Amino acid sequence: MRLIATMRQIPPRSRQALYNVNATRGIEQTAQACLPAHTLMQRAGLAVAQLAMAIAPHARRIWIACGAGNNGGDGLEAAMHLQHWGKAPVVTWLGSPDTCPGDAAESYRRALASGVNFAQEPPLCPDFCIDALLGIGSHARPPQGQLAHWIHQINACTGSVLAIDVPTGLNADTGVLTEPSVKATDTLSSAHAQARLVYRIWT
């Protein structure tokens, strides 16, 4: 299977179309219907890993904080690629292969087979962090428990932080931040057109 990921940076103060959560999910479902199973998540994970290396090419110990849904699945796919490229990703995952969405469960199996290191707690002083916790799944209720704990730990990191879709804690429908929220230095969001992914980079 050939994965295609094209990226472009959004210039400051430029105007771009925005989609709410329902519209974004509808676009994803339309694109997925035209593709083999699991393709969109694989493409997203590849793009995340590529951008991570563009932002921090010398980073070795990379913490990927993954949520229980598809945003976490994107992070699991990214971890697999980073592992293949000689990096040392450490994944903390709120999900379970028995209860998470099917695509995310498949990404978990792929990451596990690739030798990705899964841990209960993040590594000390990671070189780079990837926020794959909630993405567009963020809502009005403030993050709690382990999720909130990891958000605080991400924000305490001294290196760059790349968020997938939107930083965790940012409501993609309203633009309102709940606290705690991830203070990302970069965000990679995706829109689907003609069954391909076009990635937008926010800095």
Protein backbone atom coordinates (compact mmCIF):
# COMPACT_ATOMS: atom_id res chain seq x y z
CA MET A 1 0.00 0.00 0.00
CA ARG A 2 1.38 3.42 -0.96
CA LEU A 3 0.78 6.17 1.57
CA ILE A 4 0.48 9.74 0.34
CA ALA A 5 0.93 12.72 2.63
CA THR A 6 1.24 16.26 1.34
CA MET A 7 1.91 19.16 3.70
CA ARG A 8 1.66 22.89 3.49
CA GLN A 9 2.21 25.56 6.09
CA ILE A 10 -0.49 28.09 6.86
CA PRO A 11 0.97 31.61 6.77
CA PRO A 12 0.18 33.84 9.77
CA ARG A 13 -3.14 35.69 9.53
CA SER A 14 -4.16 33.85 6.38
CA ARG A 15 -7.78 32.79 5.92
CA GLN A 16 -8.60 29.11 5.80
CA ALA A 17 -11.83 27.13 5.81
CA LEU A 18 -12.74 25.67 9.21
CA TYR A 19 -14.88 22.61 9.81
CA ASN A 20 -16.72 21.74 12.98
CA VAL A 21 -16.45 18.29 14.53
CA ASN A 22 -19.45 16.78 12.73
CA ALA A 23 -18.31 18.11 9.35
CA THR A 24 -14.78 16.80 9.92
CA ARG A 25 -16.05 13.36 10.82
CA GLY A 26 -18.34 13.35 7.79
CA ILE A 27 -15.39 14.18 5.52
CA GLU A 28 -13.38 11.38 7.12
CA GLN A 29 -16.20 8.86 6.63
CA THR A 30 -16.58 9.83 2.97
CA ALA A 31 -12.86 9.47 2.35
CA GLN A 32 -12.64 6.20 4.26
CA ALA A 33 -15.42 4.70 2.14
CA CYS A 34 -13.19 5.09 -0.94
CA LEU A 35 -10.09 3.52 0.61
CA PRO A 36 -8.93 0.21 2.02
CA ALA A 37 -9.49 -0.19 5.74
CA HIS A 38 -7.13 1.64 8.07
CA THR A 39 -5.61 3.80 5.30
CA LEU A 40 -6.50 7.20 6.77
CA MET A 41 -4.97 6.44 10.16
CA GLN A 42 -1.81 5.12 8.53
CA ARG A 43 -1.51 8.28 6.43
CA ALA A 44 -2.09 10.49 9.44
CA GLY A 45 0.49 8.66 11.53
CA LEU A 46 3.07 8.86 8.77
CA ALA A 47 2.54 12.61 8.39
CA VAL A 48 2.84 13.12 12.16
CA ALA A 49 6.12 11.20 12.26
CA GLN A 50 7.49 13.10 9.25
CA LEU A 51 6.62 16.47 10.75
CA ALA A 52 8.06 15.48 14.13
CA MET A 53 11.39 14.77 12.45
CA ALA A 54 11.22 18.04 10.51
CA ILE A 55 10.66 19.99 13.72
CA ALA A 56 13.17 18.11 15.87
CA PRO A 57 15.46 16.02 13.65
CA HIS A 58 17.93 15.33 16.46
CA ALA A 59 15.33 14.24 18.99
CA ARG A 60 15.76 10.66 20.10
CA ARG A 61 13.61 10.07 23.18
CA ILE A 62 10.12 11.00 22.07
CA TRP A 63 7.07 10.80 24.30
CA ILE A 64 3.78 10.13 22.51
CA ALA A 65 0.79 10.61 24.81
CA CYS A 66 -2.10 8.67 23.25
CA GLY A 67 -5.75 8.82 24.12
CA ALA A 68 -8.24 5.98 23.87
CA GLY A 69 -9.76 7.03 20.54
CA ASN A 70 -8.66 7.58 16.96
CA ASN A 71 -6.42 10.53 17.85
CA GLY A 72 -4.48 8.07 19.96
CA GLY A 73 -4.43 5.68 17.01
CA ASP A 74 -2.72 8.35 14.90
CA GLY A 75 -0.11 8.63 17.63
CA LEU A 76 0.41 4.86 17.70
CA GLU A 77 1.01 4.88 13.95
CA ALA A 78 3.51 7.71 14.33
CA ALA A 79 5.33 5.75 17.03
CA MET A 80 5.74 2.80 14.68
CA HIS A 81 7.39 4.96 12.00
CA LEU A 82 9.67 6.68 14.50
CA GLN A 83 10.72 3.27 15.82
CA HIS A 84 11.56 2.15 12.28
CA TRP A 85 13.63 5.30 11.79
CA GLY A 86 15.89 4.53 14.74
CA LYS A 87 14.25 6.79 17.31
CA ALA A 88 13.21 5.72 20.80
CA PRO A 89 9.51 6.58 21.11
CA VAL A 90 7.82 5.91 24.42
CA VAL A 91 4.02 5.59 24.27
CA THR A 92 1.66 6.14 27.16
CA TRP A 93 -1.81 5.01 26.14
CA LEU A 94 -5.17 5.54 27.81
CA GLY A 95 -6.79 2.94 25.58
CA SER A 96 -7.24 -0.81 25.49
CA PRO A 97 -7.30 -3.03 22.39
CA ASP A 98 -10.56 -4.53 23.68
CA THR A 99 -12.48 -1.27 23.97
CA CYS A 100 -10.90 1.26 21.59
CA PRO A 101 -12.14 1.88 17.99
CA GLY A 102 -11.19 -0.78 15.45
CA ASP A 103 -8.63 1.35 13.60
CA ALA A 104 -6.91 2.31 16.84
CA ALA A 105 -6.80 -1.34 17.92
CA GLU A 106 -5.13 -2.25 14.63
CA SER A 107 -2.61 0.56 15.10
CA TYR A 108 -1.87 -0.75 18.61
CA ARG A 109 -1.12 -4.20 17.20
CA ARG A 110 1.12 -2.70 14.51
CA ALA A 111 3.03 -0.58 17.02
CA LEU A 112 3.45 -3.52 19.38
CA ALA A 113 4.77 -5.71 16.56
CA SER A 114 7.25 -2.96 15.64
CA GLY A 115 8.77 -3.06 19.11
CA VAL A 116 7.41 0.28 20.31
CA ASN A 117 7.94 0.81 24.04
CA PHE A 118 4.66 1.16 25.98
CA ALA A 119 4.92 2.61 29.49
CA GLN A 120 2.64 3.59 32.36
CA GLU A 121 4.43 6.91 32.86
CA PRO A 122 6.21 9.23 30.41
CA PRO A 123 9.99 9.19 30.14
CA LEU A 124 12.03 11.67 32.14
CA CYS A 125 13.06 14.75 30.15
CA PRO A 126 11.88 13.69 26.67
CA ASP A 127 13.43 15.51 23.73
CA PHE A 128 10.07 15.93 22.01
CA CYS A 129 6.39 15.36 22.84
CA ILE A 130 3.43 14.43 20.67
CA ASP A 131 -0.07 15.18 21.94
CA ALA A 132 -2.33 12.43 20.60
CA LEU A 133 -4.76 12.50 23.52
CA LEU A 134 -8.09 13.92 22.34
CA GLY A 135 -7.79 15.99 19.16
CA ILE A 136 -11.27 16.98 17.99
CA GLY A 137 -12.65 14.80 20.79
CA SER A 138 -12.02 17.62 23.28
CA HIS A 139 -15.24 18.96 24.77
CA ALA A 140 -16.47 21.40 27.38
CA ARG A 141 -15.77 19.21 30.40
CA PRO A 142 -12.28 19.83 31.82
CA PRO A 143 -9.85 16.89 31.46
CA GLN A 144 -9.53 14.90 34.68
CA GLY A 145 -7.52 12.07 36.22
CA GLN A 146 -4.67 10.54 34.25
CA LEU A 147 -5.54 12.64 31.22
CA ALA A 148 -5.13 15.88 33.16
CA HIS A 149 -1.94 14.56 34.77
CA TRP A 150 -0.38 13.88 31.37
CA ILE A 151 -1.41 17.31 30.08
CA HIS A 152 0.45 18.94 32.96
CA GLN A 153 3.48 16.76 32.25
CA ILE A 154 3.44 17.66 28.54
CA ASN A 155 3.33 21.35 29.44
CA ALA A 156 6.28 20.86 31.79
CA CYS A 157 8.47 19.49 28.99
CA THR A 158 11.22 21.80 27.76
CA GLY A 159 11.21 20.57 24.16
CA SER A 160 8.73 21.18 21.35
CA VAL A 161 5.20 19.77 21.51
CA LEU A 162 3.35 18.65 18.39
CA ALA A 163 -0.43 18.29 18.69
CA ILE A 164 -2.46 16.10 16.32
CA ASP A 165 -5.60 17.77 14.85
CA VAL A 166 -6.00 20.32 17.67
CA PRO A 167 -4.27 20.61 21.05
CA THR A 168 -6.01 18.61 23.74
CA GLY A 169 -8.38 20.90 25.63
CA LEU A 170 -9.27 23.06 22.63
CA ASN A 171 -12.91 22.65 21.62
CA ALA A 172 -12.89 22.26 17.82
CA ASP A 173 -16.50 23.51 17.56
CA THR A 174 -16.17 26.69 19.62
CA GLY A 175 -12.44 27.45 19.87
CA VAL A 176 -12.81 27.61 23.64
CA LEU A 177 -10.00 26.22 25.78
CA THR A 178 -10.73 24.14 28.86
CA GLU A 179 -8.11 23.79 31.54
CA PRO A 180 -5.83 22.03 31.73
CA SER A 181 -5.02 22.17 28.02
CA VAL A 182 -1.92 21.29 26.03
CA LYS A 183 0.30 24.25 25.15
CA ALA A 184 1.48 22.97 21.78
CA THR A 185 4.27 24.66 19.85
CA ASP A 186 3.01 23.11 16.58
CA THR A 187 -0.24 21.54 15.43
CA LEU A 188 -0.84 19.26 12.48
CA SER A 189 -4.46 19.19 11.33
CA SER A 190 -5.90 17.26 8.45
CA ALA A 191 -8.65 17.67 5.90
CA HIS A 192 -9.60 15.07 3.34
CA ALA A 193 -10.09 15.90 -0.32
CA GLN A 194 -10.56 13.35 -3.09
CA ALA A 195 -9.60 10.58 -0.65
CA ARG A 196 -6.20 12.14 0.02
CA LEU A 197 -5.00 13.92 3.14
CA VAL A 198 -3.92 17.52 3.02
CA TYR A 199 -2.09 18.57 6.18
CA ARG A 200 -2.12 22.04 7.60
CA ILE A 201 0.67 23.07 9.96
CA TRP A 202 -0.07 25.61 12.65
CA THR A 203 2.78 27.26 14.58
